């Protein structure tokens, strides 16, 4: 039982890391308008950055202010 709990804790910590990189990518695309070279090692950061650029483009098309 404790081994299963330990594995779940490890997975949960990884998910927090992945989500953190993803959201940082979105924030960099929307607010900083450039990618952070310290985070470009992460595929989740890259996916978040691309998603942020997509969101920004859609906001511009609809005339919604951002940043």
C-alpha atoms as a PDB file:
ATOM      1  CA  UNK A   1       0.000   0.000   0.000  1.00  0.00           C
ATOM      2  CA  UNK A   2       2.738   2.496   0.880  1.00  0.00           C
ATOM      3  CA  UNK A   3       4.572   1.793  -2.385  1.00  0.00           C
ATOM      4  CA  UNK A   4       1.411   2.633  -4.338  1.00  0.00           C
ATOM      5  CA  UNK A   5       1.024   5.858  -2.350  1.00  0.00           C
ATOM      6  CA  UNK A   6       4.653   6.754  -3.011  1.00  0.00           C
ATOM      7  CA  UNK A   7       4.176   6.203  -6.771  1.00  0.00           C
ATOM      8  CA  UNK A   8       1.043   8.373  -6.709  1.00  0.00           C
ATOM      9  CA  UNK A   9       2.983  11.146  -4.945  1.00  0.00           C
ATOM     10  CA  UNK A  10       5.725  10.991  -7.571  1.00  0.00           C
ATOM     11  CA  UNK A  11       3.189  11.160 -10.398  1.00  0.00           C
ATOM     12  CA  UNK A  12       1.389  14.072  -8.732  1.00  0.00           C
ATOM     13  CA  UNK A  13       4.661  16.013  -8.379  1.00  0.00           C
ATOM     14  CA  UNK A  14       5.480  15.410 -12.047  1.00  0.00           C
ATOM     15  CA  UNK A  15       2.048  16.654 -13.080  1.00  0.00           C
ATOM     16  CA  UNK A  16       2.536  19.827 -11.069  1.00  0.00           C
ATOM     17  CA  UNK A  17       5.840  20.382 -12.869  1.00  0.00           C
ATOM     18  CA  UNK A  18       4.331  19.753 -16.295  1.00  0.00           C
ATOM     19  CA  UNK A  19       1.399  22.050 -15.591  1.00  0.00           C
ATOM     20  CA  UNK A  20       3.728  24.730 -14.274  1.00  0.00           C
ATOM     21  CA  UNK A  21       5.798  24.685 -17.475  1.00  0.00           C
ATOM     22  CA  UNK A  22       2.646  24.717 -19.620  1.00  0.00           C
ATOM     23  CA  UNK A  23       1.110  27.703 -17.832  1.00  0.00           C
ATOM     24  CA  UNK A  24       4.439  29.561 -17.848  1.00  0.00           C
ATOM     25  CA  UNK A  25       4.531  29.129 -21.625  1.00  0.00           C
ATOM     26  CA  UNK A  26       1.052  30.619 -21.964  1.00  0.00           C
ATOM     27  CA  UNK A  27       1.942  33.546 -19.697  1.00  0.00           C
ATOM     28  CA  UNK A  28       5.169  34.259 -21.592  1.00  0.00           C
ATOM     29  CA  UNK A  29       3.320  34.310 -24.913  1.00  0.00           C
ATOM     30  CA  UNK A  30       0.585  36.618 -23.642  1.00  0.00           C
ATOM     31  CA  UNK A  31       2.452  38.962 -21.300  1.00  0.00           C
ATOM     32  CA  UNK A  32       6.141  38.909 -22.186  1.00  0.00           C
ATOM     33  CA  UNK A  33       5.575  38.271 -25.892  1.00  0.00           C
ATOM     34  CA  UNK A  34       8.757  36.191 -26.034  1.00  0.00           C
ATOM     35  CA  UNK A  35       9.795  32.745 -24.930  1.00  0.00           C
ATOM     36  CA  UNK A  36      12.083  32.295 -21.963  1.00  0.00           C
ATOM     37  CA  UNK A  37      15.253  30.470 -23.108  1.00  0.00           C
ATOM     38  CA  UNK A  38      15.561  28.885 -19.651  1.00  0.00           C
ATOM     39  CA  UNK A  39      12.280  27.006 -20.192  1.00  0.00           C
ATOM     40  CA  UNK A  40      12.505  25.972 -23.841  1.00  0.00           C
ATOM     41  CA  UNK A  41      13.882  22.548 -22.819  1.00  0.00           C
ATOM     42  CA  UNK A  42      10.363  21.552 -21.783  1.00  0.00           C
ATOM     43  CA  UNK A  43       7.919  20.258 -24.373  1.00  0.00           C
ATOM     44  CA  UNK A  44       5.102  21.324 -22.047  1.00  0.00           C
ATOM     45  CA  UNK A  45       6.469  24.875 -22.010  1.00  0.00           C
ATOM     46  CA  UNK A  46       6.640  24.858 -25.816  1.00  0.00           C
ATOM     47  CA  UNK A  47       3.059  23.576 -26.068  1.00  0.00           C
ATOM     48  CA  UNK A  48       1.895  26.218 -23.588  1.00  0.00           C
ATOM     49  CA  UNK A  49       3.742  28.953 -25.467  1.00  0.00           C
ATOM     50  CA  UNK A  50       2.110  27.866 -28.746  1.00  0.00           C
ATOM     51  CA  UNK A  51      -1.306  27.794 -27.049  1.00  0.00           C
ATOM     52  CA  UNK A  52      -0.665  31.283 -25.650  1.00  0.00           C
ATOM     53  CA  UNK A  53       0.147  32.576 -29.135  1.00  0.00           C
ATOM     54  CA  UNK A  54      -3.065  30.985 -30.458  1.00  0.00           C
ATOM     55  CA  UNK A  55      -5.103  32.619 -27.678  1.00  0.00           C
ATOM     56  CA  UNK A  56      -3.441  35.968 -28.326  1.00  0.00           C
ATOM     57  CA  UNK A  57      -4.171  35.744 -32.051  1.00  0.00           C
ATOM     58  CA  UNK A  58      -7.840  34.946 -31.408  1.00  0.00           C
ATOM     59  CA  UNK A  59      -8.093  37.844 -28.960  1.00  0.00           C
ATOM     60  CA  UNK A  60      -6.604  40.221 -31.538  1.00  0.00           C
ATOM     61  CA  UNK A  61      -9.030  39.009 -34.201  1.00  0.00           C
ATOM     62  CA  UNK A  62     -11.973  39.629 -31.874  1.00  0.00           C
ATOM     63  CA  UNK A  63     -10.575  42.960 -30.679  1.00  0.00           C
ATOM     64  CA  UNK A  64     -10.203  41.848 -27.050  1.00  0.00           C
ATOM     65  CA  UNK A  65      -7.371  43.608 -25.177  1.00  0.00           C
ATOM     66  CA  UNK A  66      -4.812  41.393 -23.492  1.00  0.00           C
ATOM     67  CA  UNK A  67      -1.732  41.726 -21.287  1.00  0.00           C
END
